[in-house]
N, C-alpha and C. Protein backbone atom coordinates (compact mmCIF):
# COMPACT_ATOMS: atom_id res chain seq x y z
N UNK A 1 203.21 138.70 -65.96
CA UNK A 1 203.17 137.29 -66.18
C UNK A 1 204.03 136.53 -65.17
N UNK A 2 205.19 137.09 -64.88
CA UNK A 2 206.09 136.46 -63.93
C UNK A 2 205.45 136.40 -62.55
N UNK A 3 204.73 137.43 -62.21
CA UNK A 3 204.09 137.43 -60.89
C UNK A 3 202.98 136.39 -60.80
N UNK A 4 202.24 136.15 -61.88
CA UNK A 4 201.18 135.13 -61.82
C UNK A 4 201.78 133.74 -61.70
N UNK A 5 202.94 133.48 -62.32
CA UNK A 5 203.61 132.18 -62.17
C UNK A 5 204.10 131.99 -60.74
N UNK A 6 204.61 133.02 -60.17
CA UNK A 6 205.09 132.94 -58.79
C UNK A 6 203.93 132.68 -57.84
N UNK A 7 202.82 133.32 -58.11
CA UNK A 7 201.63 133.10 -57.27
C UNK A 7 201.17 131.66 -57.38
N UNK A 8 201.17 131.08 -58.58
CA UNK A 8 200.78 129.68 -58.78
C UNK A 8 201.71 128.74 -58.03
N UNK A 9 203.00 129.02 -58.07
CA UNK A 9 203.96 128.17 -57.38
C UNK A 9 203.75 128.25 -55.87
N UNK A 10 203.48 129.40 -55.37
CA UNK A 10 203.23 129.56 -53.93
C UNK A 10 201.95 128.82 -53.54
N UNK A 11 200.91 128.90 -54.37
CA UNK A 11 199.66 128.20 -54.09
C UNK A 11 199.86 126.69 -54.10
N UNK A 12 200.66 126.17 -55.05
CA UNK A 12 200.93 124.74 -55.12
C UNK A 12 201.67 124.27 -53.87
N UNK A 13 202.63 125.03 -53.42
CA UNK A 13 203.36 124.68 -52.19
C UNK A 13 202.41 124.65 -51.00
N UNK A 14 201.53 125.61 -50.92
CA UNK A 14 200.56 125.67 -49.82
C UNK A 14 199.62 124.47 -49.87
N UNK A 15 199.21 124.08 -51.08
CA UNK A 15 198.32 122.93 -51.24
C UNK A 15 199.03 121.63 -50.87
N UNK A 16 200.29 121.49 -51.23
CA UNK A 16 201.00 120.26 -50.89
C UNK A 16 201.16 120.14 -49.38
N UNK A 17 201.34 121.23 -48.69
CA UNK A 17 201.41 121.21 -47.22
C UNK A 17 200.09 120.82 -46.61
N UNK A 18 199.01 121.34 -47.16
CA UNK A 18 197.70 120.99 -46.62
C UNK A 18 197.34 119.54 -46.94
N UNK A 19 197.79 119.02 -48.07
CA UNK A 19 197.55 117.62 -48.40
C UNK A 19 198.27 116.71 -47.41
N UNK A 20 199.49 117.05 -47.09
CA UNK A 20 200.25 116.27 -46.11
C UNK A 20 199.56 116.31 -44.75
N UNK A 21 199.07 117.46 -44.36
CA UNK A 21 198.37 117.60 -43.09
C UNK A 21 197.09 116.77 -43.08
N UNK A 22 196.31 116.83 -44.15
CA UNK A 22 195.08 116.03 -44.25
C UNK A 22 195.39 114.54 -44.20
N UNK A 23 196.43 114.12 -44.93
CA UNK A 23 196.82 112.71 -44.91
C UNK A 23 197.18 112.26 -43.50
N UNK A 24 197.90 113.09 -42.78
CA UNK A 24 198.31 112.75 -41.42
C UNK A 24 197.09 112.52 -40.53
N UNK A 25 196.13 113.42 -40.58
CA UNK A 25 194.91 113.26 -39.76
C UNK A 25 194.13 112.01 -40.15
N UNK A 26 193.98 111.78 -41.43
CA UNK A 26 193.22 110.61 -41.89
C UNK A 26 193.95 109.32 -41.54
N UNK A 27 195.27 109.28 -41.74
CA UNK A 27 196.04 108.07 -41.46
C UNK A 27 196.02 107.73 -39.97
N UNK A 28 196.19 108.73 -39.12
CA UNK A 28 196.16 108.48 -37.68
C UNK A 28 194.79 107.95 -37.27
N UNK A 29 193.74 108.57 -37.76
CA UNK A 29 192.38 108.11 -37.44
C UNK A 29 192.16 106.69 -37.94
N UNK A 30 192.58 106.41 -39.15
CA UNK A 30 192.40 105.09 -39.74
C UNK A 30 193.13 104.02 -38.93
N UNK A 31 194.38 104.26 -38.58
CA UNK A 31 195.15 103.27 -37.84
C UNK A 31 194.64 103.11 -36.40
N UNK A 32 194.15 104.14 -35.79
CA UNK A 32 193.54 104.02 -34.46
C UNK A 32 192.28 103.15 -34.53
N UNK A 33 191.48 103.35 -35.56
CA UNK A 33 190.29 102.53 -35.73
C UNK A 33 190.68 101.07 -35.99
N UNK A 34 191.72 100.85 -36.77
CA UNK A 34 192.19 99.51 -37.06
C UNK A 34 192.67 98.81 -35.79
N UNK A 35 193.41 99.52 -34.95
CA UNK A 35 193.85 98.96 -33.67
C UNK A 35 192.67 98.67 -32.75
N UNK A 36 191.68 99.54 -32.74
CA UNK A 36 190.50 99.31 -31.90
C UNK A 36 189.73 98.08 -32.37
N UNK A 37 189.63 97.90 -33.67
CA UNK A 37 188.93 96.73 -34.20
C UNK A 37 189.67 95.44 -33.84
N UNK A 38 190.99 95.42 -34.00
CA UNK A 38 191.75 94.21 -33.67
C UNK A 38 191.74 93.94 -32.17
N UNK A 39 191.79 94.96 -31.36
CA UNK A 39 191.73 94.76 -29.91
C UNK A 39 190.34 94.25 -29.50
N UNK A 40 189.30 94.79 -30.08
CA UNK A 40 187.95 94.30 -29.80
C UNK A 40 187.77 92.88 -30.25
N UNK A 41 188.36 92.52 -31.39
CA UNK A 41 188.29 91.14 -31.88
C UNK A 41 189.02 90.19 -30.94
N UNK A 42 190.13 90.62 -30.41
CA UNK A 42 190.87 89.81 -29.45
C UNK A 42 190.07 89.60 -28.17
N UNK A 43 189.39 90.63 -27.71
CA UNK A 43 188.53 90.51 -26.53
C UNK A 43 187.38 89.54 -26.80
N UNK A 44 186.78 89.62 -27.97
CA UNK A 44 185.68 88.72 -28.34
C UNK A 44 186.17 87.27 -28.42
N UNK A 45 187.36 87.05 -29.00
CA UNK A 45 187.94 85.71 -29.05
C UNK A 45 188.16 85.17 -27.64
N UNK A 46 188.71 85.99 -26.76
CA UNK A 46 188.96 85.58 -25.37
C UNK A 46 187.67 85.19 -24.68
N UNK A 47 186.64 86.00 -24.85
CA UNK A 47 185.33 85.69 -24.27
C UNK A 47 184.82 84.33 -24.76
N UNK A 48 184.87 84.10 -26.06
CA UNK A 48 184.39 82.83 -26.62
C UNK A 48 185.22 81.65 -26.15
N UNK A 49 186.53 81.82 -26.03
CA UNK A 49 187.40 80.74 -25.57
C UNK A 49 187.09 80.38 -24.11
N UNK A 50 186.82 81.36 -23.28
CA UNK A 50 186.47 81.08 -21.88
C UNK A 50 185.11 80.41 -21.76
N UNK A 51 184.15 80.83 -22.56
CA UNK A 51 182.84 80.18 -22.57
C UNK A 51 182.99 78.72 -23.02
N UNK A 52 183.75 78.49 -24.07
CA UNK A 52 183.96 77.13 -24.58
C UNK A 52 184.69 76.26 -23.57
N UNK A 53 185.65 76.80 -22.85
CA UNK A 53 186.39 76.03 -21.85
C UNK A 53 185.45 75.57 -20.73
N UNK A 54 184.58 76.43 -20.26
CA UNK A 54 183.63 76.03 -19.20
C UNK A 54 182.63 75.01 -19.74
N UNK A 55 182.17 75.19 -20.97
CA UNK A 55 181.22 74.25 -21.56
C UNK A 55 181.85 72.87 -21.71
N UNK A 56 183.08 72.84 -22.20
CA UNK A 56 183.78 71.57 -22.40
C UNK A 56 184.01 70.87 -21.06
N UNK A 57 184.44 71.62 -20.05
CA UNK A 57 184.66 71.03 -18.73
C UNK A 57 183.38 70.52 -18.10
N UNK A 58 182.29 71.27 -18.22
CA UNK A 58 181.01 70.84 -17.64
C UNK A 58 180.47 69.60 -18.34
N UNK A 59 180.62 69.54 -19.64
CA UNK A 59 180.16 68.36 -20.40
C UNK A 59 180.95 67.13 -19.98
N UNK A 60 182.25 67.28 -19.82
CA UNK A 60 183.09 66.16 -19.37
C UNK A 60 182.70 65.74 -17.96
N UNK A 61 182.50 66.70 -17.08
CA UNK A 61 182.15 66.40 -15.69
C UNK A 61 180.78 65.73 -15.57
N UNK A 62 179.83 66.12 -16.42
CA UNK A 62 178.48 65.56 -16.36
C UNK A 62 178.42 64.11 -16.80
N UNK A 63 179.41 63.66 -17.54
CA UNK A 63 179.39 62.28 -18.03
C UNK A 63 180.34 61.37 -17.27
N UNK A 64 180.91 61.84 -16.19
CA UNK A 64 181.84 61.02 -15.42
C UNK A 64 181.10 60.15 -14.40
N UNK A 65 181.73 59.03 -14.08
CA UNK A 65 181.14 58.12 -13.08
C UNK A 65 181.07 58.81 -11.74
N UNK A 66 180.03 58.48 -10.99
CA UNK A 66 179.84 59.12 -9.68
C UNK A 66 179.58 58.08 -8.60
N UNK A 67 180.37 56.99 -8.57
CA UNK A 67 180.19 55.97 -7.54
C UNK A 67 180.76 56.41 -6.21
N UNK A 68 181.76 57.28 -6.23
CA UNK A 68 182.25 57.85 -4.99
C UNK A 68 181.57 59.21 -4.86
N UNK A 69 181.66 59.87 -3.76
CA UNK A 69 181.01 61.19 -3.67
C UNK A 69 181.46 62.09 -4.81
N UNK A 70 180.52 62.67 -5.46
CA UNK A 70 180.81 63.52 -6.61
C UNK A 70 181.74 64.65 -6.22
N UNK A 71 182.73 64.85 -7.02
CA UNK A 71 183.67 65.93 -6.78
C UNK A 71 184.87 65.53 -5.96
N UNK A 72 184.88 64.27 -5.44
CA UNK A 72 186.03 63.82 -4.67
C UNK A 72 187.17 63.47 -5.61
N UNK A 73 188.37 63.69 -5.16
CA UNK A 73 189.54 63.33 -5.96
C UNK A 73 189.68 61.82 -6.03
N UNK A 74 190.13 61.32 -7.18
CA UNK A 74 190.33 59.88 -7.34
C UNK A 74 191.55 59.45 -6.55
N UNK A 75 191.40 58.32 -5.89
CA UNK A 75 192.53 57.72 -5.18
C UNK A 75 192.49 56.22 -5.43
N UNK A 76 193.57 55.66 -5.87
CA UNK A 76 193.67 54.22 -6.07
C UNK A 76 192.64 53.67 -7.03
N UNK A 77 191.80 52.77 -6.52
CA UNK A 77 190.83 52.08 -7.37
C UNK A 77 189.45 52.73 -7.34
N UNK A 78 189.31 53.84 -6.67
CA UNK A 78 188.00 54.52 -6.62
C UNK A 78 187.55 54.87 -8.03
N UNK A 79 186.26 54.78 -8.22
CA UNK A 79 185.70 55.23 -9.49
C UNK A 79 184.90 56.48 -9.18
N UNK A 80 185.27 57.55 -9.77
CA UNK A 80 184.58 58.80 -9.52
C UNK A 80 185.20 59.90 -10.34
N UNK A 81 184.59 61.03 -10.33
CA UNK A 81 185.13 62.13 -11.13
C UNK A 81 186.44 62.63 -10.55
N UNK A 82 187.37 62.88 -11.42
CA UNK A 82 188.66 63.42 -11.03
C UNK A 82 188.64 64.91 -11.30
N UNK A 83 188.79 65.71 -10.25
CA UNK A 83 188.81 67.16 -10.44
C UNK A 83 189.96 67.59 -11.32
N UNK A 84 191.09 66.92 -11.17
CA UNK A 84 192.22 67.24 -12.03
C UNK A 84 191.92 66.97 -13.49
N UNK A 85 191.25 65.85 -13.77
CA UNK A 85 190.90 65.51 -15.16
C UNK A 85 189.88 66.51 -15.72
N UNK A 86 188.94 66.93 -14.89
CA UNK A 86 187.93 67.90 -15.33
C UNK A 86 188.59 69.24 -15.65
N UNK A 87 189.48 69.67 -14.78
CA UNK A 87 190.20 70.92 -15.02
C UNK A 87 191.05 70.83 -16.29
N UNK A 88 191.75 69.70 -16.44
CA UNK A 88 192.56 69.51 -17.65
C UNK A 88 191.70 69.52 -18.90
N UNK A 89 190.53 68.89 -18.83
CA UNK A 89 189.65 68.84 -20.00
C UNK A 89 189.18 70.24 -20.37
N UNK A 90 188.90 71.05 -19.36
CA UNK A 90 188.46 72.42 -19.63
C UNK A 90 189.59 73.24 -20.25
N UNK A 91 190.80 73.05 -19.77
CA UNK A 91 191.92 73.87 -20.23
C UNK A 91 192.56 73.33 -21.51
N UNK A 92 192.82 72.02 -21.55
CA UNK A 92 193.57 71.43 -22.66
C UNK A 92 192.70 70.69 -23.68
N UNK A 93 191.49 70.31 -23.28
CA UNK A 93 190.64 69.55 -24.19
C UNK A 93 190.84 68.05 -24.07
N UNK A 94 191.64 67.62 -23.09
CA UNK A 94 191.82 66.19 -22.82
C UNK A 94 192.11 66.01 -21.34
N UNK A 95 191.80 64.82 -20.82
CA UNK A 95 191.94 64.57 -19.38
C UNK A 95 193.39 64.47 -18.94
N UNK A 96 194.29 64.15 -19.87
CA UNK A 96 195.70 63.99 -19.51
C UNK A 96 196.40 65.33 -19.29
N UNK A 97 195.85 66.40 -19.82
CA UNK A 97 196.46 67.71 -19.65
C UNK A 97 197.63 67.95 -20.59
N UNK A 98 197.55 67.39 -21.79
CA UNK A 98 198.60 67.58 -22.78
C UNK A 98 198.07 68.43 -23.92
N UNK A 99 198.95 69.08 -24.62
CA UNK A 99 198.54 69.90 -25.75
C UNK A 99 198.64 71.38 -25.43
N UNK A 100 197.97 72.18 -26.24
CA UNK A 100 198.04 73.62 -26.04
C UNK A 100 197.03 74.08 -25.00
N UNK A 101 197.47 75.01 -24.19
CA UNK A 101 196.69 75.56 -23.09
C UNK A 101 195.83 76.71 -23.62
N UNK A 102 194.56 76.72 -23.25
CA UNK A 102 193.65 77.79 -23.68
C UNK A 102 193.96 79.07 -22.91
N UNK A 103 194.44 80.08 -23.60
CA UNK A 103 194.65 81.42 -23.05
C UNK A 103 195.56 81.46 -21.83
N UNK A 104 196.38 80.45 -21.64
CA UNK A 104 197.28 80.44 -20.49
C UNK A 104 196.56 80.24 -19.16
N UNK A 105 195.40 79.59 -19.19
CA UNK A 105 194.65 79.34 -17.96
C UNK A 105 195.42 78.41 -17.04
N UNK A 106 195.24 78.60 -15.75
CA UNK A 106 195.85 77.75 -14.74
C UNK A 106 194.76 76.87 -14.12
N UNK A 107 195.09 75.64 -13.73
CA UNK A 107 194.08 74.76 -13.12
C UNK A 107 193.41 75.37 -11.89
N UNK A 108 194.11 76.22 -11.16
CA UNK A 108 193.52 76.84 -9.97
C UNK A 108 192.39 77.81 -10.33
N UNK A 109 192.33 78.24 -11.59
CA UNK A 109 191.26 79.16 -12.02
C UNK A 109 189.98 78.44 -12.40
N UNK A 110 190.05 77.12 -12.56
CA UNK A 110 188.89 76.32 -12.96
C UNK A 110 188.30 75.66 -11.72
N UNK A 111 187.03 75.90 -11.46
CA UNK A 111 186.35 75.37 -10.28
C UNK A 111 185.21 74.46 -10.70
N UNK A 112 184.99 73.41 -9.93
CA UNK A 112 183.92 72.44 -10.22
C UNK A 112 183.02 72.37 -9.00
N UNK A 113 181.73 72.43 -9.24
CA UNK A 113 180.76 72.41 -8.14
C UNK A 113 179.63 71.44 -8.48
N UNK A 114 179.39 70.47 -7.60
CA UNK A 114 178.32 69.49 -7.80
C UNK A 114 177.16 69.81 -6.87
N UNK A 115 175.95 69.54 -7.34
CA UNK A 115 174.76 69.73 -6.50
C UNK A 115 173.83 68.55 -6.73
N UNK A 116 173.66 67.69 -5.70
CA UNK A 116 172.79 66.52 -5.77
C UNK A 116 173.02 65.73 -7.05
N UNK A 117 174.27 65.47 -7.37
CA UNK A 117 174.63 64.87 -8.66
C UNK A 117 174.38 63.37 -8.65
N UNK A 118 173.78 62.86 -9.72
CA UNK A 118 173.56 61.43 -9.88
C UNK A 118 173.07 61.16 -11.29
N UNK A 119 172.53 59.95 -11.48
CA UNK A 119 172.05 59.54 -12.80
C UNK A 119 170.78 60.32 -13.13
N UNK A 120 170.88 61.21 -14.08
CA UNK A 120 169.73 61.99 -14.52
C UNK A 120 169.22 63.01 -13.51
N UNK A 121 169.96 63.24 -12.45
CA UNK A 121 169.53 64.21 -11.44
C UNK A 121 170.69 65.12 -11.09
N UNK A 122 170.35 66.19 -10.45
CA UNK A 122 171.36 67.11 -9.98
C UNK A 122 172.06 67.83 -11.13
N UNK A 123 173.11 68.53 -10.78
CA UNK A 123 173.83 69.32 -11.78
C UNK A 123 175.28 69.47 -11.37
N UNK A 124 176.09 69.76 -12.37
CA UNK A 124 177.49 70.08 -12.14
C UNK A 124 177.76 71.41 -12.83
N UNK A 125 178.49 72.27 -12.14
CA UNK A 125 178.87 73.57 -12.70
C UNK A 125 180.38 73.65 -12.78
N UNK A 126 180.85 74.18 -13.88
CA UNK A 126 182.28 74.45 -14.04
C UNK A 126 182.39 75.94 -14.29
N UNK A 127 183.23 76.60 -13.52
CA UNK A 127 183.39 78.03 -13.73
C UNK A 127 184.85 78.45 -13.65
N UNK A 128 185.14 79.52 -14.37
CA UNK A 128 186.49 80.07 -14.44
C UNK A 128 186.47 81.45 -13.80
N UNK A 129 187.40 81.69 -12.90
CA UNK A 129 187.49 82.98 -12.22
C UNK A 129 188.91 83.52 -12.35
N UNK A 130 189.06 84.77 -11.99
CA UNK A 130 190.37 85.43 -11.91
C UNK A 130 191.15 85.43 -13.22
N UNK A 131 190.47 85.64 -14.33
CA UNK A 131 191.19 85.75 -15.60
C UNK A 131 191.32 87.23 -15.94
N UNK A 132 192.54 87.67 -16.22
CA UNK A 132 192.80 89.06 -16.58
C UNK A 132 193.10 89.17 -18.07
N UNK A 133 192.39 90.04 -18.74
CA UNK A 133 192.57 90.29 -20.16
C UNK A 133 193.56 91.43 -20.33
N UNK A 134 194.55 91.23 -21.19
CA UNK A 134 195.56 92.26 -21.46
C UNK A 134 195.23 92.96 -22.77
N UNK A 135 195.14 94.27 -22.73
CA UNK A 135 194.91 95.06 -23.94
C UNK A 135 196.24 95.12 -24.69
N UNK A 136 196.19 94.88 -26.00
CA UNK A 136 197.42 94.81 -26.79
C UNK A 136 197.50 95.95 -27.80
N UNK A 137 197.37 97.15 -27.33
CA UNK A 137 197.50 98.34 -28.18
C UNK A 137 198.84 98.99 -27.82
N UNK A 138 199.64 99.34 -28.84
CA UNK A 138 200.93 99.98 -28.53
C UNK A 138 200.78 101.22 -27.66
N UNK A 139 201.67 101.37 -26.74
CA UNK A 139 201.72 102.50 -25.79
C UNK A 139 200.61 102.47 -24.74
N UNK A 140 199.75 101.45 -24.80
CA UNK A 140 198.69 101.32 -23.79
C UNK A 140 198.84 99.94 -23.17
N UNK A 141 199.28 99.89 -21.95
CA UNK A 141 199.45 98.64 -21.23
C UNK A 141 198.43 98.59 -20.12
N UNK A 142 197.40 97.79 -20.33
CA UNK A 142 196.33 97.75 -19.34
C UNK A 142 195.77 96.35 -19.27
N UNK A 143 195.41 95.92 -18.07
CA UNK A 143 194.75 94.65 -17.86
C UNK A 143 193.46 94.92 -17.11
N UNK A 144 192.43 94.13 -17.44
CA UNK A 144 191.22 94.22 -16.63
C UNK A 144 190.66 92.83 -16.43
N UNK A 145 190.00 92.67 -15.29
CA UNK A 145 189.48 91.37 -14.89
C UNK A 145 188.22 91.02 -15.69
N UNK A 146 188.23 89.82 -16.22
CA UNK A 146 187.05 89.32 -16.93
C UNK A 146 186.08 88.78 -15.87
N UNK A 147 184.79 88.78 -16.16
CA UNK A 147 183.84 88.24 -15.20
C UNK A 147 184.00 86.72 -15.09
N UNK A 148 183.40 86.15 -14.07
CA UNK A 148 183.43 84.69 -13.92
C UNK A 148 182.56 84.07 -15.01
N UNK A 149 183.08 83.05 -15.66
CA UNK A 149 182.34 82.32 -16.70
C UNK A 149 181.88 81.00 -16.09
N UNK A 150 180.61 80.66 -16.28
CA UNK A 150 180.04 79.48 -15.64
C UNK A 150 179.15 78.73 -16.60
N UNK A 151 179.27 77.40 -16.61
CA UNK A 151 178.38 76.54 -17.36
C UNK A 151 177.87 75.46 -16.42
N UNK A 152 176.56 75.23 -16.41
CA UNK A 152 175.93 74.22 -15.57
C UNK A 152 175.22 73.21 -16.45
N UNK A 153 175.41 71.91 -16.12
CA UNK A 153 174.75 70.84 -16.86
C UNK A 153 174.15 69.84 -15.88
N UNK A 154 173.07 69.21 -16.32
CA UNK A 154 172.43 68.17 -15.50
C UNK A 154 173.29 66.93 -15.46
N UNK A 155 173.06 66.13 -14.43
CA UNK A 155 173.73 64.84 -14.35
C UNK A 155 173.20 63.93 -15.44
N UNK A 156 174.09 63.23 -16.11
CA UNK A 156 173.67 62.34 -17.19
C UNK A 156 173.81 60.91 -16.72
N UNK A 157 174.38 60.06 -17.54
CA UNK A 157 174.51 58.66 -17.17
C UNK A 157 175.42 58.49 -15.96
N UNK A 158 176.29 59.43 -15.77
CA UNK A 158 177.22 59.42 -14.64
C UNK A 158 178.01 58.13 -14.59
N UNK A 159 178.15 57.45 -15.74
CA UNK A 159 178.95 56.24 -15.80
C UNK A 159 178.31 55.03 -15.15
N UNK A 160 177.06 55.11 -14.79
CA UNK A 160 176.37 54.02 -14.12
C UNK A 160 175.52 53.28 -15.13
N UNK A 161 175.52 51.96 -15.07
CA UNK A 161 174.70 51.17 -15.98
C UNK A 161 173.23 51.31 -15.59
N UNK A 162 172.32 51.37 -16.57
CA UNK A 162 170.91 51.53 -16.24
C UNK A 162 170.35 50.42 -15.34
N UNK A 163 170.88 49.19 -15.43
CA UNK A 163 170.40 48.10 -14.57
C UNK A 163 170.72 48.37 -13.11
N UNK A 164 171.79 49.10 -12.87
CA UNK A 164 172.20 49.40 -11.49
C UNK A 164 171.41 50.55 -10.89
N UNK A 165 170.61 51.22 -11.71
CA UNK A 165 169.85 52.36 -11.19
C UNK A 165 168.61 51.88 -10.46
N UNK A 166 168.25 52.50 -9.34
CA UNK A 166 167.04 52.10 -8.61
C UNK A 166 165.77 52.46 -9.35
């Protein structure tokens, strides 16, 4: 009888060790999957924020006055699109450049390109380049370059009154 009790105790100890081992494998796998999901979600958020920034900047640029050559910087009393204002609108959501910055973007990363722009004609493109995404998984420090994000819109009213249009 004493030997059967000893055998049971030895079996219980062996089972508790195997339970700990199984828990370790399951927990490590679970937490790795959890980190992968959060990192993938962060990448998806970054992608959407960059798409939205280009869309917002292109929409703002398409509705700006174009009495001076499109894409020229504003000086003095000129009426025309301000590249600085377009970049600020893409990054901050307002032309003044105040508020929170989207993903730490820099104005030099936002580019504006006009093609035959006017009232109801031509197009304006806003694109973001040179953005590096940082992976935020512990013990893994890696950055990779995101592709260029581009949004193109047709010229709209361009700030010109319809009576002034030919």
